[in-house]
Amino acid sequence: MKTRLLGLMLAGLTATGCSTLTPEQQEKLDDMSNCEKLNALLSASPNGFSALKGAEVGAKLINSWQSQGTSSWQ
């Protein structure tokens, strides 16, 4: 159950983050390999993904943030 919830949360975060990227940020993201993307997410996990968070987006049931962009991932 926890794994399914985590997967859904990550999918939602990914969908929200991808929809708020500028064309330049999307191009940088497209140039990253899947391993680089995964390593960036794993390295951001211990500090609550603060390096990846942009402005907070209001929602009733969940806190979400706009993507900071890929420049802070590397």
PDB file of N, CA and C in Angstrom:
ATOM      1  N   MET A   1       0.821  -1.192   0.000  1.00  0.00           N
ATOM      2  CA  MET A   1       0.000   0.000   0.000  1.00  0.00           C
ATOM      3  C   MET A   1       0.869   1.262   0.000  1.00  0.00           C
ATOM      4  N   LYS A   2       1.894   1.290   0.839  1.00  0.00           N
ATOM      5  CA  LYS A   2       2.771   2.453   0.890  1.00  0.00           C
ATOM      6  C   LYS A   2       3.499   2.656  -0.434  1.00  0.00           C
ATOM      7  N   THR A   3       3.902   1.553  -1.061  1.00  0.00           N
ATOM      8  CA  THR A   3       4.605   1.642  -2.338  1.00  0.00           C
ATOM      9  C   THR A   3       3.692   2.224  -3.406  1.00  0.00           C
ATOM     10  N   ARG A   4       2.438   1.789  -3.410  1.00  0.00           N
ATOM     11  CA  ARG A   4       1.488   2.303  -4.399  1.00  0.00           C
ATOM     12  C   ARG A   4       1.252   3.797  -4.181  1.00  0.00           C
ATOM     13  N   LEU A   5       1.096   4.211  -2.935  1.00  0.00           N
ATOM     14  CA  LEU A   5       0.880   5.618  -2.622  1.00  0.00           C
ATOM     15  C   LEU A   5       2.092   6.450  -3.023  1.00  0.00           C
ATOM     16  N   LEU A   6       3.280   5.953  -2.722  1.00  0.00           N
ATOM     17  CA  LEU A   6       4.497   6.662  -3.106  1.00  0.00           C
ATOM     18  C   LEU A   6       4.583   6.793  -4.616  1.00  0.00           C
ATOM     19  N   GLY A   7       4.255   5.723  -5.334  1.00  0.00           N
ATOM     20  CA  GLY A   7       4.270   5.770  -6.795  1.00  0.00           C
ATOM     21  C   GLY A   7       3.296   6.791  -7.343  1.00  0.00           C
ATOM     22  N   LEU A   8       2.106   6.853  -6.767  1.00  0.00           N
ATOM     23  CA  LEU A   8       1.115   7.834  -7.206  1.00  0.00           C
ATOM     24  C   LEU A   8       1.566   9.259  -6.912  1.00  0.00           C
ATOM     25  N   MET A   9       2.189   9.447  -5.740  1.00  0.00           N
ATOM     26  CA  MET A   9       2.682  10.778  -5.396  1.00  0.00           C
ATOM     27  C   MET A   9       3.797  11.214  -6.335  1.00  0.00           C
ATOM     28  N   LEU A  10       4.714  10.317  -6.636  1.00  0.00           N
ATOM     29  CA  LEU A  10       5.800  10.654  -7.558  1.00  0.00           C
ATOM     30  C   LEU A  10       5.272  10.927  -8.957  1.00  0.00           C
ATOM     31  N   ALA A  11       4.287  10.159  -9.390  1.00  0.00           N
ATOM     32  CA  ALA A  11       3.684  10.395 -10.703  1.00  0.00           C
ATOM     33  C   ALA A  11       3.028  11.768 -10.749  1.00  0.00           C
ATOM     34  N   GLY A  12       2.331  12.124  -9.669  1.00  0.00           N
ATOM     35  CA  GLY A  12       1.705  13.444  -9.602  1.00  0.00           C
ATOM     36  C   GLY A  12       2.719  14.562  -9.581  1.00  0.00           C
ATOM     37  N   LEU A  13       3.781  14.376  -8.824  1.00  0.00           N
ATOM     38  CA  LEU A  13       4.849  15.367  -8.764  1.00  0.00           C
ATOM     39  C   LEU A  13       5.500  15.527 -10.123  1.00  0.00           C
ATOM     40  N   THR A  14       5.740  14.425 -10.795  1.00  0.00           N
ATOM     41  CA  THR A  14       6.347  14.463 -12.119  1.00  0.00           C
ATOM     42  C   THR A  14       5.444  15.187 -13.099  1.00  0.00           C
ATOM     43  N   ALA A  15       4.170  14.854 -13.090  1.00  0.00           N
ATOM     44  CA  ALA A  15       3.233  15.487 -14.015  1.00  0.00           C
ATOM     45  C   ALA A  15       3.122  16.982 -13.747  1.00  0.00           C
ATOM     46  N   THR A  16       3.069  17.370 -12.478  1.00  0.00           N
ATOM     47  CA  THR A  16       2.986  18.783 -12.131  1.00  0.00           C
ATOM     48  C   THR A  16       4.280  19.506 -12.485  1.00  0.00           C
ATOM     49  N   GLY A  17       5.407  18.892 -12.153  1.00  0.00           N
ATOM     50  CA  GLY A  17       6.701  19.514 -12.439  1.00  0.00           C
ATOM     51  C   GLY A  17       6.951  19.683 -13.916  1.00  0.00           C
ATOM     52  N   CYS A  18       6.598  18.693 -14.695  1.00  0.00           N
ATOM     53  CA  CYS A  18       6.826  18.770 -16.135  1.00  0.00           C
ATOM     54  C   CYS A  18       5.943  19.815 -16.788  1.00  0.00           C
ATOM     55  N   SER A  19       4.763  20.024 -16.254  1.00  0.00           N
ATOM     56  CA  SER A  19       3.849  20.971 -16.873  1.00  0.00           C
ATOM     57  C   SER A  19       4.236  22.417 -16.577  1.00  0.00           C
ATOM     58  N   THR A  20       5.124  22.665 -15.625  1.00  0.00           N
ATOM     59  CA  THR A  20       5.489  24.028 -15.272  1.00  0.00           C
ATOM     60  C   THR A  20       6.893  24.406 -15.748  1.00  0.00           C
ATOM     61  N   LEU A  21       7.528  23.559 -16.516  1.00  0.00           N
ATOM     62  CA  LEU A  21       8.880  23.842 -16.995  1.00  0.00           C
ATOM     63  C   LEU A  21       8.852  24.810 -18.164  1.00  0.00           C
ATOM     64  N   THR A  22       9.857  25.677 -18.194  1.00  0.00           N
ATOM     65  CA  THR A  22      10.033  26.541 -19.359  1.00  0.00           C
ATOM     66  C   THR A  22      10.599  25.696 -20.498  1.00  0.00           C
ATOM     67  N   PRO A  23      10.519  26.176 -21.725  1.00  0.00           N
ATOM     68  CA  PRO A  23      11.106  25.412 -22.839  1.00  0.00           C
ATOM     69  C   PRO A  23      12.598  25.121 -22.646  1.00  0.00           C
ATOM     70  N   GLU A  24      13.332  26.063 -22.037  1.00  0.00           N
ATOM     71  CA  GLU A  24      14.757  25.851 -21.791  1.00  0.00           C
ATOM     72  C   GLU A  24      14.978  24.747 -20.761  1.00  0.00           C
ATOM     73  N   GLN A  25      14.166  24.756 -19.704  1.00  0.00           N
ATOM     74  CA  GLN A  25      14.275  23.724 -18.675  1.00  0.00           C
ATOM     75  C   GLN A  25      13.895  22.358 -19.246  1.00  0.00           C
ATOM     76  N   GLN A  26      12.850  22.337 -20.082  1.00  0.00           N
ATOM     77  CA  GLN A  26      12.436  21.078 -20.687  1.00  0.00           C
ATOM     78  C   GLN A  26      13.531  20.523 -21.586  1.00  0.00           C
ATOM     79  N   GLU A  27      14.229  21.402 -22.294  1.00  0.00           N
ATOM     80  CA  GLU A  27      15.321  20.960 -23.166  1.00  0.00           C
ATOM     81  C   GLU A  27      16.454  20.343 -22.348  1.00  0.00           C
ATOM     82  N   LYS A  28      16.801  20.964 -21.209  1.00  0.00           N
ATOM     83  CA  LYS A  28      17.833  20.404 -20.336  1.00  0.00           C
ATOM     84  C   LYS A  28      17.398  19.049 -19.795  1.00  0.00           C
ATOM     85  N   LEU A  29      16.133  18.953 -19.406  1.00  0.00           N
ATOM     86  CA  LEU A  29      15.600  17.695 -18.896  1.00  0.00           C
ATOM     87  C   LEU A  29      15.628  16.613 -19.967  1.00  0.00           C
ATOM     88  N   ASP A  30      15.280  16.988 -21.196  1.00  0.00           N
ATOM     89  CA  ASP A  30      15.294  16.024 -22.302  1.00  0.00           C
ATOM     90  C   ASP A  30      16.704  15.512 -22.592  1.00  0.00           C
ATOM     91  N   ASP A  31      17.712  16.345 -22.306  1.00  0.00           N
ATOM     92  CA  ASP A  31      19.100  15.954 -22.558  1.00  0.00           C
ATOM     93  C   ASP A  31      19.661  15.025 -21.472  1.00  0.00           C
ATOM     94  N   MET A  32      18.975  14.939 -20.331  1.00  0.00           N
ATOM     95  CA  MET A  32      19.436  14.077 -19.239  1.00  0.00           C
ATOM     96  C   MET A  32      19.021  12.632 -19.504  1.00  0.00           C
ATOM     97  N   SER A  33      19.895  11.711 -19.162  1.00  0.00           N
ATOM     98  CA  SER A  33      19.537  10.298 -19.270  1.00  0.00           C
ATOM     99  C   SER A  33      18.596   9.939 -18.119  1.00  0.00           C
ATOM    100  N   ASN A  34      17.935   8.817 -18.248  1.00  0.00           N
ATOM    101  CA  ASN A  34      17.048   8.364 -17.167  1.00  0.00           C
ATOM    102  C   ASN A  34      17.819   8.161 -15.875  1.00  0.00           C
ATOM    103  N   CYS A  35      19.034   7.665 -15.977  1.00  0.00           N
ATOM    104  CA  CYS A  35      19.867   7.472 -14.777  1.00  0.00           C
ATOM    105  C   CYS A  35      20.196   8.816 -14.119  1.00  0.00           C
ATOM    106  N   GLU A  36      20.496   9.827 -14.905  1.00  0.00           N
ATOM    107  CA  GLU A  36      20.783  11.150 -14.352  1.00  0.00           C
ATOM    108  C   GLU A  36      19.547  11.731 -13.654  1.00  0.00           C
ATOM    109  N   LYS A  37      18.382  11.534 -14.249  1.00  0.00           N
ATOM    110  CA  LYS A  37      17.144  12.022 -13.631  1.00  0.00           C
ATOM    111  C   LYS A  37      16.888  11.306 -12.307  1.00  0.00           C
ATOM    112  N   LEU A  38      17.054   9.996 -12.301  1.00  0.00           N
ATOM    113  CA  LEU A  38      16.836   9.221 -11.084  1.00  0.00           C
ATOM    114  C   LEU A  38      17.841   9.609 -10.010  1.00  0.00           C
ATOM    115  N   ASN A  39      19.102   9.760 -10.379  1.00  0.00           N
ATOM    116  CA  ASN A  39      20.127  10.167  -9.407  1.00  0.00           C
ATOM    117  C   ASN A  39      19.828  11.543  -8.827  1.00  0.00           C
ATOM    118  N   ALA A  40      19.308  12.460  -9.654  1.00  0.00           N
ATOM    119  CA  ALA A  40      18.950  13.791  -9.166  1.00  0.00           C
ATOM    120  C   ALA A  40      17.826  13.708  -8.149  1.00  0.00           C
ATOM    121  N   LEU A  41      16.826  12.885  -8.420  1.00  0.00           N
ATOM    122  CA  LEU A  41      15.723  12.718  -7.472  1.00  0.00           C
ATOM    123  C   LEU A  41      16.190  12.071  -6.179  1.00  0.00           C
ATOM    124  N   LEU A  42      17.019  11.033  -6.301  1.00  0.00           N
ATOM    125  CA  LEU A  42      17.508  10.348  -5.103  1.00  0.00           C
ATOM    126  C   LEU A  42      18.380  11.257  -4.249  1.00  0.00           C
ATOM    127  N   SER A  43      19.207  12.072  -4.883  1.00  0.00           N
ATOM    128  CA  SER A  43      20.081  12.958  -4.108  1.00  0.00           C
ATOM    129  C   SER A  43      19.298  14.098  -3.464  1.00  0.00           C
ATOM    130  N   ALA A  44      18.134  14.451  -4.011  1.00  0.00           N
ATOM    131  CA  ALA A  44      17.316  15.526  -3.442  1.00  0.00           C
ATOM    132  C   ALA A  44      16.404  15.027  -2.326  1.00  0.00           C
ATOM    133  N   SER A  45      16.243  13.730  -2.209  1.00  0.00           N
ATOM    134  CA  SER A  45      15.308  13.159  -1.241  1.00  0.00           C
ATOM    135  C   SER A  45      15.642  13.471   0.213  1.00  0.00           C
ATOM    136  N   PRO A  46      16.892  13.352   0.672  1.00  0.00           N
ATOM    137  CA  PRO A  46      17.181  13.555   2.101  1.00  0.00           C
ATOM    138  C   PRO A  46      16.791  14.940   2.636  1.00  0.00           C
ATOM    139  N   ASN A  47      16.790  15.957   1.797  1.00  0.00           N
ATOM    140  CA  ASN A  47      16.444  17.303   2.277  1.00  0.00           C
ATOM    141  C   ASN A  47      15.050  17.735   1.833  1.00  0.00           C
ATOM    142  N   GLY A  48      14.178  16.752   1.553  1.00  0.00           N
ATOM    143  CA  GLY A  48      12.797  17.073   1.219  1.00  0.00           C
ATOM    144  C   GLY A  48      12.620  17.666  -0.165  1.00  0.00           C
ATOM    145  N   PHE A  49      13.559  17.393  -1.063  1.00  0.00           N
ATOM    146  CA  PHE A  49      13.506  17.870  -2.447  1.00  0.00           C
ATOM    147  C   PHE A  49      13.559  19.393  -2.536  1.00  0.00           C
ATOM    148  N   SER A  50      14.135  20.054  -1.549  1.00  0.00           N
ATOM    149  CA  SER A  50      14.150  21.525  -1.535  1.00  0.00           C
ATOM    150  C   SER A  50      14.885  22.116  -2.730  1.00  0.00           C
ATOM    151  N   ALA A  51      15.893  21.427  -3.251  1.00  0.00           N
ATOM    152  CA  ALA A  51      16.619  21.936  -4.414  1.00  0.00           C
ATOM    153  C   ALA A  51      15.769  21.925  -5.677  1.00  0.00           C
ATOM    154  N   LEU A  52      14.702  21.144  -5.674  1.00  0.00           N
ATOM    155  CA  LEU A  52      13.850  21.028  -6.852  1.00  0.00           C
ATOM    156  C   LEU A  52      12.571  21.846  -6.749  1.00  0.00           C
ATOM    157  N   LYS A  53      12.277  22.368  -5.551  1.00  0.00           N
ATOM    158  CA  LYS A  53      11.013  23.072  -5.339  1.00  0.00           C
ATOM    159  C   LYS A  53      11.114  24.529  -5.756  1.00  0.00           C
ATOM    160  N   GLY A  54      10.106  24.968  -6.480  1.00  0.00           N
ATOM    161  CA  GLY A  54       9.948  26.378  -6.807  1.00  0.00           C
ATOM    162  C   GLY A  54       8.852  26.948  -5.922  1.00  0.00           C
ATOM    163  N   ALA A  55       7.990  27.754  -6.509  1.00  0.00           N
ATOM    164  CA  ALA A  55       6.892  28.361  -5.771  1.00  0.00           C
ATOM    165  C   ALA A  55       5.854  27.310  -5.384  1.00  0.00           C
ATOM    166  N   GLU A  56       5.300  27.454  -4.180  1.00  0.00           N
ATOM    167  CA  GLU A  56       4.271  26.526  -3.723  1.00  0.00           C
ATOM    168  C   GLU A  56       2.964  26.821  -4.440  1.00  0.00           C
ATOM    169  N   VAL A  57       2.286  25.754  -4.832  1.00  0.00           N
ATOM    170  CA  VAL A  57       1.006  25.851  -5.520  1.00  0.00           C
ATOM    171  C   VAL A  57      -0.072  25.428  -4.537  1.00  0.00           C
ATOM    172  N   GLY A  58      -1.052  26.264  -4.329  1.00  0.00           N
ATOM    173  CA  GLY A  58      -2.103  25.961  -3.364  1.00  0.00           C
ATOM    174  C   GLY A  58      -3.009  24.831  -3.837  1.00  0.00           C
ATOM    175  N   ALA A  59      -3.348  23.961  -2.926  1.00  0.00           N
ATOM    176  CA  ALA A  59      -4.276  22.868  -3.196  1.00  0.00           C
ATOM    177  C   ALA A  59      -4.938  22.496  -1.876  1.00  0.00           C
ATOM    178  N   LYS A  60      -6.148  21.928  -1.957  1.00  0.00           N
ATOM    179  CA  LYS A  60      -6.880  21.596  -0.744  1.00  0.00           C
ATOM    180  C   LYS A  60      -6.328  20.362  -0.034  1.00  0.00           C
ATOM    181  N   LEU A  61      -5.983  19.337  -0.782  1.00  0.00           N
ATOM    182  CA  LEU A  61      -5.624  18.065  -0.174  1.00  0.00           C
ATOM    183  C   LEU A  61      -4.131  17.771  -0.140  1.00  0.00           C
ATOM    184  N   ILE A  62      -3.347  18.511  -0.901  1.00  0.00           N
ATOM    185  CA  ILE A  62      -1.925  18.185  -1.006  1.00  0.00           C
ATOM    186  C   ILE A  62      -1.115  19.461  -1.215  1.00  0.00           C
ATOM    187  N   ASN A  63       0.071  19.496  -0.652  1.00  0.00           N
ATOM    188  CA  ASN A  63       1.000  20.591  -0.922  1.00  0.00           C
ATOM    189  C   ASN A  63       1.798  20.217  -2.155  1.00  0.00           C
ATOM    190  N   SER A  64       1.914  21.140  -3.086  1.00  0.00           N
ATOM    191  CA  SER A  64       2.731  20.886  -4.275  1.00  0.00           C
ATOM    192  C   SER A  64       3.487  22.157  -4.624  1.00  0.00           C
ATOM    193  N   TRP A  65       4.536  21.989  -5.388  1.00  0.00           N
ATOM    194  CA  TRP A  65       5.400  23.098  -5.755  1.00  0.00           C
ATOM    195  C   TRP A  65       5.671  23.051  -7.243  1.00  0.00           C
ATOM    196  N   GLN A  66       5.914  24.230  -7.799  1.00  0.00           N
ATOM    197  CA  GLN A  66       6.389  24.286  -9.177  1.00  0.00           C
ATOM    198  C   GLN A  66       7.821  23.799  -9.195  1.00  0.00           C
ATOM    199  N   SER A  67       8.247  23.334 -10.332  1.00  0.00           N
ATOM    200  CA  SER A  67       9.612  22.845 -10.461  1.00  0.00           C
ATOM    201  C   SER A  67      10.595  23.998 -10.437  1.00  0.00           C
ATOM    202  N   GLN A  68      11.719  23.795  -9.787  1.00  0.00           N
ATOM    203  CA  GLN A  68      12.798  24.759  -9.760  1.00  0.00           C
ATOM    204  C   GLN A  68      13.540  24.773 -11.082  1.00  0.00           C
ATOM    205  N   GLY A  69      13.461  23.667 -11.815  1.00  0.00           N
ATOM    206  CA  GLY A  69      14.186  23.523 -13.063  1.00  0.00           C
ATOM    207  C   GLY A  69      15.367  22.595 -12.887  1.00  0.00           C
ATOM    208  N   THR A  70      15.942  22.186 -13.973  1.00  0.00           N
ATOM    209  CA  THR A  70      17.001  21.206 -13.922  1.00  0.00           C
ATOM    210  C   THR A  70      18.358  21.785 -13.587  1.00  0.00           C
ATOM    211  N   SER A  71      18.506  23.113 -13.625  1.00  0.00           N
ATOM    212  CA  SER A  71      19.813  23.704 -13.330  1.00  0.00           C
ATOM    213  C   SER A  71      20.271  23.388 -11.911  1.00  0.00           C
ATOM    214  N   SER A  72      19.312  23.255 -10.976  1.00  0.00           N
ATOM    215  CA  SER A  72      19.683  22.961  -9.599  1.00  0.00           C
ATOM    216  C   SER A  72      19.893  21.476  -9.367  1.00  0.00           C
ATOM    217  N   TRP A  73      19.590  20.637 -10.357  1.00  0.00           N
ATOM    218  CA  TRP A  73      19.739  19.189 -10.221  1.00  0.00           C
ATOM    219  C   TRP A  73      21.181  18.760 -10.393  1.00  0.00           C
ATOM    220  N   GLN A  74      21.948  19.557 -11.103  1.00  0.00           N
ATOM    221  CA  GLN A  74      23.277  19.078 -11.502  1.00  0.00           C
ATOM    222  C   GLN A  74      24.344  19.588 -10.559  1.00  0.00           C
TER     223      GLN A  74
END
